[in-house]
Amino acid sequence: MSKKLIEMKIAGKDVSFSPNVTAYNKYINEITMGNKVSPAHNFLVRIVTPETKEALTELLERPGAALQIVGKVLDEYTPELEITVKN
């Protein structure tokens, strides 16, 4: 999958992300039943562009922000696959 720049305006702040397969896989592997916030936070920090990192850091201080933001990033990054089960 090619690199994709995802640009967002979040609570009035411009933030850009450059997700990649390695960071995505690490995020998925870190998620556990009892730990979803830290992996989301870490994933976002790994993929934020350097010029918008300060804005992201401020946003991540808000309760629930990491999960809301990661949800939008993943909506844009992960492809919708058509899957059919053949019998």
PDB file of N, CA and C in Angstrom:
ATOM      1  N   MET A   1       0.844  -1.173   0.000  1.00  0.00           N
ATOM      2  CA  MET A   1       0.000   0.000   0.000  1.00  0.00           C
ATOM      3  C   MET A   1       0.894   1.242   0.000  1.00  0.00           C
ATOM      4  N   SER A   2       0.569   2.172  -0.867  1.00  0.00           N
ATOM      5  CA  SER A   2       1.384   3.380  -0.959  1.00  0.00           C
ATOM      6  C   SER A   2       1.149   4.284   0.245  1.00  0.00           C
ATOM      7  N   LYS A   3       2.120   5.168   0.457  1.00  0.00           N
ATOM      8  CA  LYS A   3       1.971   6.117   1.559  1.00  0.00           C
ATOM      9  C   LYS A   3       0.849   7.074   1.237  1.00  0.00           C
ATOM     10  N   LYS A   4       0.078   7.395   2.257  1.00  0.00           N
ATOM     11  CA  LYS A   4      -1.059   8.282   2.085  1.00  0.00           C
ATOM     12  C   LYS A   4      -0.989   9.345   3.165  1.00  0.00           C
ATOM     13  N   LEU A   5      -1.096  10.594   2.752  1.00  0.00           N
ATOM     14  CA  LEU A   5      -1.139  11.685   3.712  1.00  0.00           C
ATOM     15  C   LEU A   5      -2.596  11.967   4.024  1.00  0.00           C
ATOM     16  N   ILE A   6      -2.929  11.926   5.301  1.00  0.00           N
ATOM     17  CA  ILE A   6      -4.294  12.194   5.747  1.00  0.00           C
ATOM     18  C   ILE A   6      -4.269  13.513   6.501  1.00  0.00           C
ATOM     19  N   GLU A   7      -4.971  14.503   5.956  1.00  0.00           N
ATOM     20  CA  GLU A   7      -5.018  15.825   6.566  1.00  0.00           C
ATOM     21  C   GLU A   7      -6.389  16.031   7.186  1.00  0.00           C
ATOM     22  N   MET A   8      -6.410  16.524   8.414  1.00  0.00           N
ATOM     23  CA  MET A   8      -7.656  16.728   9.150  1.00  0.00           C
ATOM     24  C   MET A   8      -7.649  18.080   9.853  1.00  0.00           C
ATOM     25  N   LYS A   9      -8.840  18.568  10.121  1.00  0.00           N
ATOM     26  CA  LYS A   9      -9.005  19.706  11.011  1.00  0.00           C
ATOM     27  C   LYS A   9      -9.739  19.143  12.221  1.00  0.00           C
ATOM     28  N   ILE A  10      -9.095  19.213  13.373  1.00  0.00           N
ATOM     29  CA  ILE A  10      -9.636  18.631  14.598  1.00  0.00           C
ATOM     30  C   ILE A  10      -9.721  19.725  15.639  1.00  0.00           C
ATOM     31  N   ALA A  11     -10.926  20.040  16.075  1.00  0.00           N
ATOM     32  CA  ALA A  11     -11.148  21.095  17.073  1.00  0.00           C
ATOM     33  C   ALA A  11     -10.412  22.378  16.679  1.00  0.00           C
ATOM     34  N   GLY A  12     -10.490  22.710  15.389  1.00  0.00           N
ATOM     35  CA  GLY A  12      -9.881  23.942  14.906  1.00  0.00           C
ATOM     36  C   GLY A  12      -8.392  23.875  14.613  1.00  0.00           C
ATOM     37  N   LYS A  13      -7.783  22.724  14.832  1.00  0.00           N
ATOM     38  CA  LYS A  13      -6.340  22.575  14.601  1.00  0.00           C
ATOM     39  C   LYS A  13      -6.095  21.700  13.378  1.00  0.00           C
ATOM     40  N   ASP A  14      -5.152  22.100  12.536  1.00  0.00           N
ATOM     41  CA  ASP A  14      -4.760  21.288  11.389  1.00  0.00           C
ATOM     42  C   ASP A  14      -3.764  20.233  11.843  1.00  0.00           C
ATOM     43  N   VAL A  15      -4.076  18.975  11.514  1.00  0.00           N
ATOM     44  CA  VAL A  15      -3.207  17.854  11.873  1.00  0.00           C
ATOM     45  C   VAL A  15      -3.113  16.928  10.665  1.00  0.00           C
ATOM     46  N   SER A  16      -1.912  16.464  10.378  1.00  0.00           N
ATOM     47  CA  SER A  16      -1.686  15.558   9.249  1.00  0.00           C
ATOM     48  C   SER A  16      -1.024  14.277   9.734  1.00  0.00           C
ATOM     49  N   PHE A  17      -1.425  13.192   9.112  1.00  0.00           N
ATOM     50  CA  PHE A  17      -0.889  11.881   9.459  1.00  0.00           C
ATOM     51  C   PHE A  17      -0.375  11.187   8.212  1.00  0.00           C
ATOM     52  N   SER A  18       0.695  10.435   8.375  1.00  0.00           N
ATOM     53  CA  SER A  18       1.266   9.648   7.283  1.00  0.00           C
ATOM     54  C   SER A  18       1.369   8.194   7.742  1.00  0.00           C
ATOM     55  N   PRO A  19       0.242   7.485   7.728  1.00  0.00           N
ATOM     56  CA  PRO A  19       0.257   6.102   8.209  1.00  0.00           C
ATOM     57  C   PRO A  19       1.012   5.180   7.253  1.00  0.00           C
ATOM     58  N   ASN A  20       1.475   4.081   7.816  1.00  0.00           N
ATOM     59  CA  ASN A  20       2.167   3.073   7.021  1.00  0.00           C
ATOM     60  C   ASN A  20       1.855   1.695   7.599  1.00  0.00           C
ATOM     61  N   VAL A  21       2.141   0.674   6.832  1.00  0.00           N
ATOM     62  CA  VAL A  21       1.788  -0.693   7.231  1.00  0.00           C
ATOM     63  C   VAL A  21       2.478  -1.098   8.530  1.00  0.00           C
ATOM     64  N   THR A  22       3.728  -0.742   8.696  1.00  0.00           N
ATOM     65  CA  THR A  22       4.458  -1.112   9.909  1.00  0.00           C
ATOM     66  C   THR A  22       3.810  -0.512  11.150  1.00  0.00           C
ATOM     67  N   ALA A  23       3.509   0.773  11.116  1.00  0.00           N
ATOM     68  CA  ALA A  23       2.874   1.438  12.264  1.00  0.00           C
ATOM     69  C   ALA A  23       1.478   0.869  12.509  1.00  0.00           C
ATOM     70  N   TYR A  24       0.742   0.603  11.440  1.00  0.00           N
ATOM     71  CA  TYR A  24      -0.606   0.036  11.568  1.00  0.00           C
ATOM     72  C   TYR A  24      -0.550  -1.345  12.223  1.00  0.00           C
ATOM     73  N   ASN A  25       0.328  -2.192  11.736  1.00  0.00           N
ATOM     74  CA  ASN A  25       0.436  -3.539  12.302  1.00  0.00           C
ATOM     75  C   ASN A  25       0.855  -3.497  13.767  1.00  0.00           C
ATOM     76  N   LYS A  26       1.772  -2.610  14.103  1.00  0.00           N
ATOM     77  CA  LYS A  26       2.199  -2.477  15.498  1.00  0.00           C
ATOM     78  C   LYS A  26       1.022  -2.037  16.369  1.00  0.00           C
ATOM     79  N   TYR A  27       0.222  -1.101  15.873  1.00  0.00           N
ATOM     80  CA  TYR A  27      -0.977  -0.644  16.598  1.00  0.00           C
ATOM     81  C   TYR A  27      -1.918  -1.812  16.861  1.00  0.00           C
ATOM     82  N   ILE A  28      -2.231  -2.570  15.829  1.00  0.00           N
ATOM     83  CA  ILE A  28      -3.149  -3.705  15.982  1.00  0.00           C
ATOM     84  C   ILE A  28      -2.595  -4.726  16.968  1.00  0.00           C
ATOM     85  N   ASN A  29      -1.309  -4.993  16.910  1.00  0.00           N
ATOM     86  CA  ASN A  29      -0.695  -5.971  17.804  1.00  0.00           C
ATOM     87  C   ASN A  29      -0.655  -5.508  19.261  1.00  0.00           C
ATOM     88  N   GLU A  30      -0.671  -4.193  19.499  1.00  0.00           N
ATOM     89  CA  GLU A  30      -0.616  -3.661  20.861  1.00  0.00           C
ATOM     90  C   GLU A  30      -1.983  -3.641  21.549  1.00  0.00           C
ATOM     91  N   ILE A  31      -3.054  -3.682  20.775  1.00  0.00           N
ATOM     92  CA  ILE A  31      -4.404  -3.599  21.364  1.00  0.00           C
ATOM     93  C   ILE A  31      -4.714  -4.872  22.143  1.00  0.00           C
ATOM     94  N   THR A  32      -5.214  -4.694  23.347  1.00  0.00           N
ATOM     95  CA  THR A  32      -5.683  -5.820  24.158  1.00  0.00           C
ATOM     96  C   THR A  32      -7.064  -5.457  24.708  1.00  0.00           C
ATOM     97  N   MET A  33      -7.719  -6.408  25.330  1.00  0.00           N
ATOM     98  CA  MET A  33      -9.049  -6.143  25.893  1.00  0.00           C
ATOM     99  C   MET A  33      -8.997  -5.024  26.926  1.00  0.00           C
ATOM    100  N   GLY A  34      -7.913  -4.945  27.668  1.00  0.00           N
ATOM    101  CA  GLY A  34      -7.815  -3.940  28.718  1.00  0.00           C
ATOM    102  C   GLY A  34      -6.991  -2.719  28.346  1.00  0.00           C
ATOM    103  N   ASN A  35      -6.519  -2.654  27.105  1.00  0.00           N
ATOM    104  CA  ASN A  35      -5.654  -1.540  26.724  1.00  0.00           C
ATOM    105  C   ASN A  35      -5.918  -1.132  25.282  1.00  0.00           C
ATOM    106  N   LYS A  36      -6.716  -0.086  25.122  1.00  0.00           N
ATOM    107  CA  LYS A  36      -7.017   0.427  23.791  1.00  0.00           C
ATOM    108  C   LYS A  36      -6.551   1.865  23.618  1.00  0.00           C
ATOM    109  N   VAL A  37      -6.524   2.619  24.699  1.00  0.00           N
ATOM    110  CA  VAL A  37      -6.184   4.033  24.613  1.00  0.00           C
ATOM    111  C   VAL A  37      -4.695   4.233  24.341  1.00  0.00           C
ATOM    112  N   SER A  38      -3.834   3.564  25.083  1.00  0.00           N
ATOM    113  CA  SER A  38      -2.389   3.735  24.882  1.00  0.00           C
ATOM    114  C   SER A  38      -1.951   3.347  23.478  1.00  0.00           C
ATOM    115  N   PRO A  39      -2.404   2.212  22.925  1.00  0.00           N
ATOM    116  CA  PRO A  39      -2.017   1.892  21.555  1.00  0.00           C
ATOM    117  C   PRO A  39      -2.497   2.945  20.544  1.00  0.00           C
ATOM    118  N   ALA A  40      -3.695   3.476  20.738  1.00  0.00           N
ATOM    119  CA  ALA A  40      -4.212   4.513  19.836  1.00  0.00           C
ATOM    120  C   ALA A  40      -3.346   5.766  19.928  1.00  0.00           C
ATOM    121  N   HIS A  41      -3.045   6.179  21.140  1.00  0.00           N
ATOM    122  CA  HIS A  41      -2.198   7.356  21.372  1.00  0.00           C
ATOM    123  C   HIS A  41      -0.830   7.160  20.709  1.00  0.00           C
ATOM    124  N   ASN A  42      -0.210   6.009  20.961  1.00  0.00           N
ATOM    125  CA  ASN A  42       1.122   5.731  20.418  1.00  0.00           C
ATOM    126  C   ASN A  42       1.110   5.690  18.888  1.00  0.00           C
ATOM    127  N   PHE A  43       0.094   5.086  18.303  1.00  0.00           N
ATOM    128  CA  PHE A  43      -0.031   5.010  16.851  1.00  0.00           C
ATOM    129  C   PHE A  43      -0.104   6.412  16.249  1.00  0.00           C
ATOM    130  N   LEU A  44      -0.936   7.265  16.828  1.00  0.00           N
ATOM    131  CA  LEU A  44      -1.078   8.622  16.308  1.00  0.00           C
ATOM    132  C   LEU A  44       0.234   9.402  16.408  1.00  0.00           C
ATOM    133  N   VAL A  45       0.925   9.252  17.516  1.00  0.00           N
ATOM    134  CA  VAL A  45       2.205   9.945  17.696  1.00  0.00           C
ATOM    135  C   VAL A  45       3.243   9.435  16.686  1.00  0.00           C
ATOM    136  N   ARG A  46       3.185   8.141  16.358  1.00  0.00           N
ATOM    137  CA  ARG A  46       4.122   7.565  15.393  1.00  0.00           C
ATOM    138  C   ARG A  46       3.896   8.088  13.972  1.00  0.00           C
ATOM    139  N   ILE A  47       2.636   8.375  13.630  1.00  0.00           N
ATOM    140  CA  ILE A  47       2.334   8.693  12.232  1.00  0.00           C
ATOM    141  C   ILE A  47       2.042  10.171  11.975  1.00  0.00           C
ATOM    142  N   VAL A  48       1.997  10.996  13.021  1.00  0.00           N
ATOM    143  CA  VAL A  48       1.734  12.422  12.819  1.00  0.00           C
ATOM    144  C   VAL A  48       2.921  13.052  12.089  1.00  0.00           C
ATOM    145  N   THR A  49       2.640  14.016  11.233  1.00  0.00           N
ATOM    146  CA  THR A  49       3.733  14.702  10.551  1.00  0.00           C
ATOM    147  C   THR A  49       4.432  15.622  11.540  1.00  0.00           C
ATOM    148  N   PRO A  50       5.723  15.791  11.394  1.00  0.00           N
ATOM    149  CA  PRO A  50       6.481  16.596  12.361  1.00  0.00           C
ATOM    150  C   PRO A  50       5.935  18.015  12.547  1.00  0.00           C
ATOM    151  N   GLU A  51       5.483  18.621  11.468  1.00  0.00           N
ATOM    152  CA  GLU A  51       5.006  20.004  11.571  1.00  0.00           C
ATOM    153  C   GLU A  51       3.662  20.144  12.284  1.00  0.00           C
ATOM    154  N   THR A  52       2.939  19.038  12.492  1.00  0.00           N
ATOM    155  CA  THR A  52       1.657  19.133  13.204  1.00  0.00           C
ATOM    156  C   THR A  52       1.659  18.369  14.531  1.00  0.00           C
ATOM    157  N   LYS A  53       2.832  17.910  14.949  1.00  0.00           N
ATOM    158  CA  LYS A  53       2.933  17.124  16.177  1.00  0.00           C
ATOM    159  C   LYS A  53       2.498  17.912  17.413  1.00  0.00           C
ATOM    160  N   GLU A  54       2.849  19.186  17.482  1.00  0.00           N
ATOM    161  CA  GLU A  54       2.479  19.998  18.640  1.00  0.00           C
ATOM    162  C   GLU A  54       0.956  20.106  18.770  1.00  0.00           C
ATOM    163  N   ALA A  55       0.284  20.304  17.647  1.00  0.00           N
ATOM    164  CA  ALA A  55      -1.183  20.390  17.670  1.00  0.00           C
ATOM    165  C   ALA A  55      -1.785  19.074  18.144  1.00  0.00           C
ATOM    166  N   LEU A  56      -1.247  17.956  17.660  1.00  0.00           N
ATOM    167  CA  LEU A  56      -1.750  16.653  18.090  1.00  0.00           C
ATOM    168  C   LEU A  56      -1.528  16.454  19.583  1.00  0.00           C
ATOM    169  N   THR A  57      -0.373  16.823  20.071  1.00  0.00           N
ATOM    170  CA  THR A  57      -0.060  16.669  21.495  1.00  0.00           C
ATOM    171  C   THR A  57      -1.089  17.395  22.354  1.00  0.00           C
ATOM    172  N   GLU A  58      -1.462  18.597  21.951  1.00  0.00           N
ATOM    173  CA  GLU A  58      -2.482  19.354  22.686  1.00  0.00           C
ATOM    174  C   GLU A  58      -3.832  18.652  22.628  1.00  0.00           C
ATOM    175  N   LEU A  59      -4.200  18.137  21.461  1.00  0.00           N
ATOM    176  CA  LEU A  59      -5.480  17.447  21.304  1.00  0.00           C
ATOM    177  C   LEU A  59      -5.548  16.173  22.140  1.00  0.00           C
ATOM    178  N   LEU A  60      -4.431  15.459  22.236  1.00  0.00           N
ATOM    179  CA  LEU A  60      -4.424  14.188  22.960  1.00  0.00           C
ATOM    180  C   LEU A  60      -4.572  14.360  24.471  1.00  0.00           C
ATOM    181  N   GLU A  61      -4.498  15.585  24.948  1.00  0.00           N
ATOM    182  CA  GLU A  61      -4.735  15.845  26.366  1.00  0.00           C
ATOM    183  C   GLU A  61      -6.222  15.778  26.707  1.00  0.00           C
ATOM    184  N   ARG A  62      -7.071  15.821  25.711  1.00  0.00           N
ATOM    185  CA  ARG A  62      -8.525  15.776  25.931  1.00  0.00           C
ATOM    186  C   ARG A  62      -8.984  14.331  26.109  1.00  0.00           C
ATOM    187  N   PRO A  63      -9.875  14.091  27.060  1.00  0.00           N
ATOM    188  CA  PRO A  63     -10.377  12.729  27.277  1.00  0.00           C
ATOM    189  C   PRO A  63     -11.058  12.178  26.016  1.00  0.00           C
ATOM    190  N   GLY A  64     -10.698  10.983  25.644  1.00  0.00           N
ATOM    191  CA  GLY A  64     -11.318  10.305  24.517  1.00  0.00           C
ATOM    192  C   GLY A  64     -10.812  10.715  23.148  1.00  0.00           C
ATOM    193  N   ALA A  65      -9.939  11.707  23.089  1.00  0.00           N
ATOM    194  CA  ALA A  65      -9.486  12.214  21.795  1.00  0.00           C
ATOM    195  C   ALA A  65      -8.743  11.157  20.984  1.00  0.00           C
ATOM    196  N   ALA A  66      -7.872  10.411  21.623  1.00  0.00           N
ATOM    197  CA  ALA A  66      -7.069   9.425  20.887  1.00  0.00           C
ATOM    198  C   ALA A  66      -7.953   8.426  20.152  1.00  0.00           C
ATOM    199  N   LEU A  67      -8.980   7.922  20.816  1.00  0.00           N
ATOM    200  CA  LEU A  67      -9.844   6.930  20.183  1.00  0.00           C
ATOM    201  C   LEU A  67     -10.674   7.537  19.063  1.00  0.00           C
ATOM    202  N   GLN A  68     -11.144   8.765  19.245  1.00  0.00           N
ATOM    203  CA  GLN A  68     -11.917   9.416  18.190  1.00  0.00           C
ATOM    204  C   GLN A  68     -11.053   9.685  16.961  1.00  0.00           C
ATOM    205  N   ILE A  69      -9.858  10.183  17.190  1.00  0.00           N
ATOM    206  CA  ILE A  69      -8.966  10.517  16.075  1.00  0.00           C
ATOM    207  C   ILE A  69      -8.506   9.261  15.357  1.00  0.00           C
ATOM    208  N   VAL A  70      -8.104   8.242  16.113  1.00  0.00           N
ATOM    209  CA  VAL A  70      -7.621   7.011  15.469  1.00  0.00           C
ATOM    210  C   VAL A  70      -8.730   6.379  14.637  1.00  0.00           C
ATOM    211  N   GLY A  71      -9.962   6.483  15.086  1.00  0.00           N
ATOM    212  CA  GLY A  71     -11.083   5.949  14.307  1.00  0.00           C
ATOM    213  C   GLY A  71     -11.185   6.601  12.944  1.00  0.00           C
ATOM    214  N   LYS A  72     -11.045   7.925  12.904  1.00  0.00           N
ATOM    215  CA  LYS A  72     -11.108   8.653  11.629  1.00  0.00           C
ATOM    216  C   LYS A  72      -9.909   8.337  10.745  1.00  0.00           C
ATOM    217  N   VAL A  73      -8.727   8.245  11.349  1.00  0.00           N
ATOM    218  CA  VAL A  73      -7.533   7.914  10.573  1.00  0.00           C
ATOM    219  C   VAL A  73      -7.685   6.537   9.938  1.00  0.00           C
ATOM    220  N   LEU A  74      -8.153   5.571  10.709  1.00  0.00           N
ATOM    221  CA  LEU A  74      -8.308   4.222  10.182  1.00  0.00           C
ATOM    222  C   LEU A  74      -9.390   4.144   9.121  1.00  0.00           C
ATOM    223  N   ASP A  75     -10.454   4.940   9.254  1.00  0.00           N
ATOM    224  CA  ASP A  75     -11.482   4.993   8.213  1.00  0.00           C
ATOM    225  C   ASP A  75     -10.881   5.411   6.877  1.00  0.00           C
ATOM    226  N   GLU A  76      -9.947   6.335   6.918  1.00  0.00           N
ATOM    227  CA  GLU A  76      -9.304   6.826   5.696  1.00  0.00           C
ATOM    228  C   GLU A  76      -8.199   5.904   5.196  1.00  0.00           C
ATOM    229  N   TYR A  77      -7.506   5.252   6.112  1.00  0.00           N
ATOM    230  CA  TYR A  77      -6.314   4.477   5.737  1.00  0.00           C
ATOM    231  C   TYR A  77      -6.627   3.049   5.295  1.00  0.00           C
ATOM    232  N   THR A  78      -7.501   2.377   6.000  1.00  0.00           N
ATOM    233  CA  THR A  78      -7.737   0.964   5.702  1.00  0.00           C
ATOM    234  C   THR A  78      -8.740   0.810   4.567  1.00  0.00           C
ATOM    235  N   PRO A  79      -8.441  -0.035   3.621  1.00  0.00           N
ATOM    236  CA  PRO A  79      -9.320  -0.198   2.455  1.00  0.00           C
ATOM    237  C   PRO A  79     -10.565  -1.014   2.790  1.00  0.00           C
ATOM    238  N   GLU A  80     -11.624  -0.710   2.080  1.00  0.00           N
ATOM    239  CA  GLU A  80     -12.834  -1.524   2.156  1.00  0.00           C
ATOM    240  C   GLU A  80     -12.658  -2.653   1.136  1.00  0.00           C
ATOM    241  N   LEU A  81     -12.687  -3.864   1.606  1.00  0.00           N
ATOM    242  CA  LEU A  81     -12.518  -5.011   0.721  1.00  0.00           C
ATOM    243  C   LEU A  81     -13.852  -5.713   0.511  1.00  0.00           C
ATOM    244  N   GLU A  82     -14.136  -6.082  -0.696  1.00  0.00           N
ATOM    245  CA  GLU A  82     -15.313  -6.895  -0.952  1.00  0.00           C
ATOM    246  C   GLU A  82     -14.885  -8.349  -0.818  1.00  0.00           C
ATOM    247  N   ILE A  83     -15.487  -9.029   0.125  1.00  0.00           N
ATOM    248  CA  ILE A  83     -15.113 -10.412   0.399  1.00  0.00           C
ATOM    249  C   ILE A  83     -16.345 -11.289   0.242  1.00  0.00           C
ATOM    250  N   THR A  84     -16.229 -12.326  -0.563  1.00  0.00           N
ATOM    251  CA  THR A  84     -17.327 -13.256  -0.780  1.00  0.00           C
ATOM    252  C   THR A  84     -16.841 -14.649  -0.437  1.00  0.00           C
ATOM    253  N   VAL A  85     -17.630 -15.372   0.349  1.00  0.00           N
ATOM    254  CA  VAL A  85     -17.293 -16.752   0.687  1.00  0.00           C
ATOM    255  C   VAL A  85     -17.844 -17.650  -0.413  1.00  0.00           C
ATOM    256  N   LYS A  86     -16.972 -18.466  -0.966  1.00  0.00           N
ATOM    257  CA  LYS A  86     -17.389 -19.391  -2.030  1.00  0.00           C
ATOM    258  C   LYS A  86     -17.565 -20.772  -1.410  1.00  0.00           C
ATOM    259  N   ASN A  87     -18.669 -21.399  -1.763  1.00  0.00           N
ATOM    260  CA  ASN A  87     -18.937 -22.751  -1.274  1.00  0.00           C
ATOM    261  C   ASN A  87     -18.713 -23.770  -2.357  1.00  0.00           C
TER     262      ASN A  87
END
